[in-house]
Amino acid sequence: MTSPRQGELVLGIDAGNTKTVALLVRRDGAVLGAGRAPQANIYRSKKRAYAATTRAARGACEAAGVPWEGRPFGALTVSATGADWPEDFTEWRRALREWNWAERSEVVNDAVGALRAGSRCGTGVAVACGTSAGIAARAPGGAAWHTSYWQEPEGAEQLGTLALRAVYRAELGIDPPTSLTGRVLEAFGAATVEEVLHRQTGREQRPKPTGPLARLLLDEAARGDPVSRKLVLKHGADLGDYALAAARQVGLGGAYRLVTSGGVMRHPAPELRGAMLERVREVHPEVCWQPSALEPVAGAVLLALEQGGKSVDAAVFDRLASTMPPADFFTT
């Protein structure tokens, strides 16, 4: 028998490519506890993904002082990277039924969670660009659509790979010199570009992740490096093309909201966001841009509240916003 206290709580989980975050929340929107774990992508490992999801959920309960053994909660939504194809949703739903953490459980693609976190209404287009990238769209009163594996322009890992390629090509004289070279050498602790190439391709060591190089690329674009600027502006325009495609899928036009989230989009340099918005406004000039109102995990919470029959009004949204963990809790 579910105790009244447990049944009135909801759990929202953002199972991401870099980290997994869970929030345990009252029906009035107040966050009681937060938990964090490593990435939870079932395409990499179902076992590790489910272990991370469990660890984050248990951590949220422990932080709230709520016994894990007191489940099920009222509702649960998992906003998951790797929830792309029908069989992925089937697999996640099978796990959620087996775990029986909540009376009502659902899984959505992580871009859909980011869209719900973006604003009070949860409609428009959301471009989530962190380690990877995903875009979701929803028209008022309609179903959501997400890019999933249609998505071609990606996030930090792809941008970092583009930065490395620019440095390699500049070293060979194929492309112009770039200030990225010095930044990349410093990042690798290397004396030459060949040393970087060897570090990334030699058979005796694993290559370093390219994601951290995205920040360097955005930095140098903001400082006016022509090579970096060209790469960043093209990537932003490509993201804009896919944002427009998402809007078409759900019939959006006119003055809808374009929301951005993720570490790449939070970088202070405006070039990437500006190029994306410029491309979108070529077709829909009345589009309104805003950074996401809340962290993506809040989207999972809001969807869980709605799944549990709670109307998310301004008071609930604002209470959730005011009780979220501090920003450094989400830093990767």
Protein backbone atom coordinates (compact mmCIF):
# COMPACT_ATOMS: atom_id res chain seq x y z
CA MET A 1 0.00 0.00 0.00
CA THR A 2 1.45 3.37 -1.00
CA SER A 3 1.72 5.82 1.86
CA PRO A 4 0.15 9.22 1.19
CA ARG A 5 3.54 10.88 1.37
CA GLN A 6 5.18 8.63 -1.22
CA GLY A 7 2.21 8.71 -3.57
CA GLU A 8 2.23 12.50 -3.61
CA LEU A 9 5.83 12.67 -4.81
CA VAL A 10 7.07 12.50 -8.39
CA LEU A 11 10.47 11.60 -9.77
CA GLY A 12 12.01 13.21 -12.84
CA ILE A 13 15.19 11.77 -14.35
CA ASP A 14 17.39 13.17 -17.13
CA ALA A 15 19.43 10.21 -18.40
CA GLY A 16 22.07 11.95 -20.48
CA ASN A 17 25.19 11.26 -22.53
CA THR A 18 27.46 12.81 -19.91
CA LYS A 19 25.57 12.54 -16.64
CA THR A 20 22.28 11.38 -15.14
CA VAL A 21 20.32 13.65 -12.82
CA ALA A 22 17.23 12.82 -10.76
CA LEU A 23 14.93 15.13 -8.80
CA LEU A 24 12.37 14.06 -6.21
CA VAL A 25 9.61 16.66 -6.14
CA ARG A 26 6.36 17.35 -4.32
CA ARG A 27 3.19 17.83 -6.32
CA ASP A 28 3.37 21.57 -5.65
CA GLY A 29 6.70 21.71 -7.53
CA ALA A 30 9.09 21.91 -4.57
CA VAL A 31 12.31 19.94 -5.04
CA LEU A 32 13.03 17.73 -2.04
CA GLY A 33 16.20 16.02 -3.19
CA ALA A 34 18.60 15.61 -6.10
CA GLY A 35 20.84 12.75 -7.17
CA ARG A 36 23.54 12.43 -9.79
CA ALA A 37 25.28 9.55 -11.58
CA PRO A 38 27.31 8.89 -14.76
CA GLN A 39 25.85 8.75 -18.28
CA ALA A 40 22.91 6.48 -19.01
CA ASN A 41 22.78 5.72 -22.73
CA ILE A 42 21.39 2.25 -23.48
CA TYR A 43 23.20 2.31 -26.85
CA ARG A 44 26.48 2.17 -24.96
CA SER A 45 25.43 -0.31 -22.28
CA LYS A 46 21.98 -1.14 -20.96
CA LYS A 47 23.46 -2.47 -17.73
CA ARG A 48 25.44 0.69 -17.01
CA ALA A 49 22.57 2.93 -18.12
CA TYR A 50 20.12 1.27 -15.77
CA ALA A 51 22.65 1.24 -12.93
CA ALA A 52 23.25 4.98 -13.36
CA THR A 53 19.51 5.68 -13.48
CA THR A 54 19.00 3.74 -10.26
CA ARG A 55 21.94 5.43 -8.56
CA ALA A 56 20.65 8.90 -9.42
CA ALA A 57 17.12 8.07 -8.28
CA ARG A 58 18.31 6.59 -4.99
CA GLY A 59 20.54 9.61 -4.47
CA ALA A 60 17.58 11.95 -4.85
CA CYS A 61 15.64 9.97 -2.25
CA GLU A 62 18.58 9.93 0.16
CA ALA A 63 19.05 13.68 -0.22
CA ALA A 64 15.35 14.19 0.52
CA GLY A 65 15.38 11.86 3.52
CA VAL A 66 12.74 9.72 1.85
CA PRO A 67 13.18 5.94 2.19
CA TRP A 68 13.89 4.22 -1.10
CA GLU A 69 11.97 1.22 0.17
CA GLY A 70 8.81 3.37 0.38
CA ARG A 71 8.19 3.30 -3.37
CA PRO A 72 6.15 3.51 -5.56
CA PHE A 73 5.92 7.26 -6.02
CA GLY A 74 3.01 8.96 -7.74
CA ALA A 75 4.62 9.38 -11.16
CA LEU A 76 7.97 9.10 -12.92
CA THR A 77 9.27 10.40 -16.23
CA VAL A 78 12.67 9.50 -17.65
CA SER A 79 13.98 11.89 -20.30
CA ALA A 80 16.57 9.69 -21.96
CA THR A 81 19.29 9.97 -24.51
CA GLY A 82 19.10 6.80 -26.55
CA ALA A 83 15.29 6.77 -26.48
CA ASP A 84 15.11 7.06 -30.24
CA TRP A 85 13.42 4.14 -31.97
CA PRO A 86 10.25 2.23 -30.95
CA GLU A 87 12.30 -0.67 -29.60
CA ASP A 88 14.21 1.75 -27.35
CA PHE A 89 10.99 2.98 -25.77
CA THR A 90 9.81 -0.62 -25.40
CA GLU A 91 13.04 -1.51 -23.60
CA TRP A 92 12.87 1.48 -21.24
CA ARG A 93 9.20 0.84 -20.47
CA ARG A 94 9.94 -2.80 -19.74
CA ALA A 95 12.59 -1.73 -17.23
CA LEU A 96 10.29 0.85 -15.63
CA ARG A 97 7.54 -1.75 -15.19
CA GLU A 98 10.00 -4.19 -13.68
CA TRP A 99 11.37 -1.61 -11.25
CA ASN A 100 7.91 -0.41 -10.22
CA TRP A 101 9.22 2.88 -8.90
CA ALA A 102 6.00 4.77 -9.55
CA GLU A 103 2.30 4.25 -10.08
CA ARG A 104 2.61 5.86 -13.51
CA SER A 105 5.85 5.82 -15.50
CA GLU A 106 6.89 7.09 -18.91
CA VAL A 107 10.01 7.67 -20.99
CA VAL A 108 10.60 10.43 -23.54
CA ASN A 109 13.53 11.37 -25.74
CA ASP A 110 15.83 13.80 -23.94
CA ALA A 111 15.15 16.56 -26.48
CA VAL A 112 11.46 16.37 -25.54
CA GLY A 113 12.41 16.79 -21.89
CA ALA A 114 14.54 19.79 -22.80
CA LEU A 115 11.60 21.30 -24.68
CA ARG A 116 9.32 20.94 -21.66
CA ALA A 117 11.93 22.56 -19.42
CA GLY A 118 12.36 25.47 -21.80
CA SER A 119 9.31 27.52 -20.87
CA ARG A 120 6.09 27.46 -18.90
CA CYS A 121 4.03 26.44 -21.92
CA GLY A 122 6.42 23.73 -23.15
CA THR A 123 5.72 24.42 -26.82
CA GLY A 124 7.86 25.68 -29.70
CA VAL A 125 11.25 24.31 -30.71
CA ALA A 126 14.07 23.30 -28.38
CA VAL A 127 17.67 22.91 -29.53
CA ALA A 128 19.67 20.98 -26.94
CA CYS A 129 23.37 21.09 -27.74
CA GLY A 130 25.77 19.65 -25.20
CA THR A 131 28.00 16.60 -25.69
CA SER A 132 25.69 15.65 -28.54
CA ALA A 133 22.65 17.49 -29.92
CA GLY A 134 18.94 16.93 -30.30
CA ILE A 135 15.98 19.03 -31.34
CA ALA A 136 12.33 18.69 -30.37
CA ALA A 137 9.21 20.60 -31.38
CA ARG A 138 5.62 20.75 -30.23
CA ALA A 139 2.72 22.92 -31.37
CA PRO A 140 0.05 23.95 -28.84
CA GLY A 141 -2.27 21.01 -28.28
CA GLY A 142 -0.19 18.70 -30.46
CA ALA A 143 2.25 15.84 -30.11
CA ALA A 144 6.00 16.31 -29.86
CA TRP A 145 8.50 15.36 -32.55
CA HIS A 146 12.25 14.92 -32.04
CA THR A 147 15.11 14.65 -34.48
CA SER A 148 16.71 11.54 -32.98
CA TYR A 149 18.93 9.93 -35.64
CA TRP A 150 17.77 12.42 -38.25
CA GLN A 151 20.05 14.88 -36.44
CA GLU A 152 23.21 15.61 -38.43
CA PRO A 153 24.80 18.69 -36.79
CA GLU A 154 25.84 17.45 -33.36
CA GLY A 155 27.32 18.93 -30.20
CA ALA A 156 30.66 19.36 -28.49
CA GLU A 157 32.20 16.10 -29.68
CA GLN A 158 31.56 16.95 -33.32
CA LEU A 159 32.70 20.55 -32.89
CA GLY A 160 35.89 19.34 -31.21
CA THR A 161 36.53 16.95 -34.10
CA LEU A 162 36.06 19.82 -36.55
CA ALA A 163 38.58 21.86 -34.56
CA LEU A 164 41.16 19.08 -34.72
CA ARG A 165 40.60 18.64 -38.44
CA ALA A 166 41.17 22.37 -38.99
CA VAL A 167 44.46 22.20 -37.09
CA TYR A 168 45.64 19.15 -39.05
CA ARG A 169 44.76 20.72 -42.40
CA ALA A 170 46.41 24.01 -41.46
CA GLU A 171 49.59 22.15 -40.51
CA LEU A 172 49.70 20.58 -43.97
CA GLY A 173 49.06 23.90 -45.71
CA ILE A 174 45.72 22.74 -47.12
CA ASP A 175 43.76 25.33 -45.15
CA PRO A 176 44.85 28.71 -43.76
CA PRO A 177 46.71 28.99 -40.46
CA THR A 178 44.47 29.19 -37.41
CA SER A 179 44.85 30.34 -33.82
CA LEU A 180 43.28 27.02 -32.88
CA THR A 181 46.67 25.40 -33.34
CA GLY A 182 48.18 27.01 -30.26
CA ARG A 183 45.09 26.31 -28.18
CA VAL A 184 45.01 22.65 -29.21
CA LEU A 185 48.73 22.16 -28.54
CA GLU A 186 48.24 23.64 -25.09
CA ALA A 187 45.21 21.43 -24.41
CA PHE A 188 47.15 18.30 -25.33
CA GLY A 189 50.39 19.38 -23.68
CA ALA A 190 52.04 18.79 -27.04
CA ALA A 191 54.90 20.54 -28.82
CA THR A 192 53.80 19.77 -32.38
CA VAL A 193 50.64 19.02 -34.33
CA GLU A 194 52.11 15.67 -35.35
CA GLU A 195 52.36 14.79 -31.67
CA VAL A 196 48.64 15.53 -31.29
CA LEU A 197 47.82 13.41 -34.34
CA HIS A 198 49.91 10.55 -32.96
CA ARG A 199 48.19 10.88 -29.59
CA GLN A 200 44.79 10.57 -31.26
CA THR A 201 45.56 7.77 -33.72
CA GLY A 202 48.40 5.67 -32.30
CA ARG A 203 47.50 2.08 -31.50
CA GLU A 204 48.96 2.06 -27.98
CA GLN A 205 46.59 4.58 -26.41
CA ARG A 206 42.97 5.55 -26.57
CA PRO A 207 42.25 8.93 -28.18
CA LYS A 208 41.33 11.80 -25.92
CA PRO A 209 37.68 12.91 -26.06
CA THR A 210 37.22 15.80 -28.47
CA GLY A 211 34.32 17.42 -26.64
CA PRO A 212 36.45 19.77 -24.50
CA LEU A 213 37.94 21.26 -27.68
CA ALA A 214 34.54 22.72 -28.61
CA ARG A 215 35.03 25.47 -26.06
CA LEU A 216 38.34 26.41 -27.69
CA LEU A 217 36.69 26.56 -31.11
CA LEU A 218 33.94 28.85 -29.82
CA ASP A 219 36.51 30.99 -28.00
CA GLU A 220 38.61 31.50 -31.12
CA ALA A 221 35.57 32.23 -33.27
CA ALA A 222 34.61 34.99 -30.84
CA ARG A 223 38.15 36.37 -31.03
CA GLY A 224 37.88 36.64 -34.80
CA ASP A 225 39.93 33.69 -36.04
CA PRO A 226 38.63 33.26 -39.62
CA VAL A 227 38.92 29.46 -39.66
CA SER A 228 37.12 29.04 -36.35
CA ARG A 229 34.49 31.57 -37.28
CA LYS A 230 33.71 29.83 -40.56
CA LEU A 231 33.25 26.47 -38.82
CA VAL A 232 31.08 27.87 -36.04
CA LEU A 233 28.84 29.93 -38.33
CA LYS A 234 28.23 26.95 -40.60
CA HIS A 235 27.44 24.71 -37.65
CA GLY A 236 25.00 27.24 -36.26
CA ALA A 237 23.26 27.58 -39.62
CA ASP A 238 23.04 23.79 -39.88
CA LEU A 239 21.39 23.64 -36.46
CA GLY A 240 18.97 26.28 -37.70
CA ASP A 241 18.07 24.12 -40.70
CA TYR A 242 17.17 21.24 -38.40
CA ALA A 243 15.22 23.53 -36.06
CA LEU A 244 13.16 24.58 -39.08
CA ALA A 245 12.69 20.94 -40.07
CA ALA A 246 11.39 20.17 -36.58
CA ALA A 247 8.98 23.10 -36.76
CA ARG A 248 7.66 21.81 -40.10
CA GLN A 249 7.04 18.37 -38.66
CA VAL A 250 4.55 19.73 -36.11
CA GLY A 251 3.12 22.58 -38.20
CA LEU A 252 4.73 25.46 -36.31
CA GLY A 253 5.03 28.88 -37.89
CA GLY A 254 4.81 32.52 -36.94
CA ALA A 255 5.92 33.72 -33.52
CA TYR A 256 6.82 30.46 -31.78
CA ARG A 257 9.51 30.17 -29.12
CA LEU A 258 13.00 28.82 -29.91
CA VAL A 259 14.66 27.55 -26.74
CA THR A 260 18.31 26.54 -26.37
CA SER A 261 20.00 24.43 -23.70
CA GLY A 262 23.18 22.46 -23.15
CA GLY A 263 26.78 23.40 -22.49
CA VAL A 264 27.59 24.45 -26.06
CA MET A 265 24.60 26.80 -26.14
CA ARG A 266 25.54 28.24 -22.74
CA HIS A 267 29.00 29.28 -23.97
CA PRO A 268 29.16 33.09 -23.73
CA ALA A 269 30.25 33.57 -27.35
CA PRO A 270 27.18 34.46 -29.45
CA GLU A 271 28.32 33.31 -32.90
CA LEU A 272 26.83 29.80 -32.91
CA ARG A 273 23.47 30.84 -31.46
CA GLY A 274 23.36 33.90 -33.69
CA ALA A 275 23.94 31.90 -36.88
CA MET A 276 21.26 29.40 -35.87
CA LEU A 277 18.72 32.11 -35.09
CA GLU A 278 19.54 34.02 -38.28
CA ARG A 279 18.84 30.90 -40.36
CA VAL A 280 15.53 30.25 -38.57
CA ARG A 281 14.40 33.86 -38.95
CA GLU A 282 15.02 33.75 -42.69
CA VAL A 283 11.90 31.56 -42.79
CA HIS A 284 10.09 32.51 -39.57
CA PRO A 285 11.10 36.12 -38.81
CA GLU A 286 8.85 36.41 -35.75
CA VAL A 287 10.49 33.59 -33.82
CA CYS A 288 11.42 34.52 -30.25
CA TRP A 289 14.66 33.08 -28.84
CA GLN A 290 15.27 32.40 -25.16
CA PRO A 291 17.74 30.30 -23.18
CA SER A 292 16.02 27.43 -21.43
CA ALA A 293 14.18 28.55 -18.31
CA LEU A 294 15.27 25.43 -16.41
CA GLU A 295 17.76 22.57 -16.56
CA PRO A 296 16.62 19.65 -18.76
CA VAL A 297 15.84 17.42 -15.76
CA ALA A 298 13.11 19.89 -14.83
CA GLY A 299 11.36 18.92 -18.05
CA ALA A 300 11.18 15.33 -16.83
CA VAL A 301 9.73 16.60 -13.54
CA LEU A 302 7.08 18.72 -15.28
CA LEU A 303 6.10 15.82 -17.52
CA ALA A 304 5.85 13.56 -14.45
CA LEU A 305 3.63 16.09 -12.68
CA GLU A 306 1.38 16.31 -15.73
CA GLN A 307 1.36 12.54 -16.08
CA GLY A 308 0.17 12.36 -12.48
CA GLY A 309 -2.73 14.69 -13.22
CA LYS A 310 -1.21 17.89 -11.84
CA SER A 311 -1.85 21.10 -13.75
CA VAL A 312 1.45 22.95 -14.06
CA ASP A 313 0.53 26.58 -13.49
CA ALA A 314 2.84 29.54 -12.92
CA ALA A 315 3.04 28.87 -9.18
CA VAL A 316 4.19 25.27 -9.69
CA PHE A 317 6.70 26.27 -12.39
CA ASP A 318 8.13 29.09 -10.26
CA ARG A 319 8.35 26.89 -7.17
CA LEU A 320 10.27 24.29 -9.14
CA ALA A 321 12.59 26.98 -10.50
CA SER A 322 13.24 28.44 -7.04
CA THR A 323 14.05 25.09 -5.41
CA MET A 324 16.32 23.61 -8.11
CA PRO A 325 19.84 22.56 -7.05
CA PRO A 326 22.58 25.18 -7.51
CA ALA A 327 24.13 25.55 -10.95
CA ASP A 328 27.36 23.77 -9.98
CA PHE A 329 25.37 20.59 -9.28
CA PHE A 330 24.82 20.28 -13.04
CA THR A 331 28.38 21.15 -14.13
CA THR A 332 30.18 18.40 -16.02
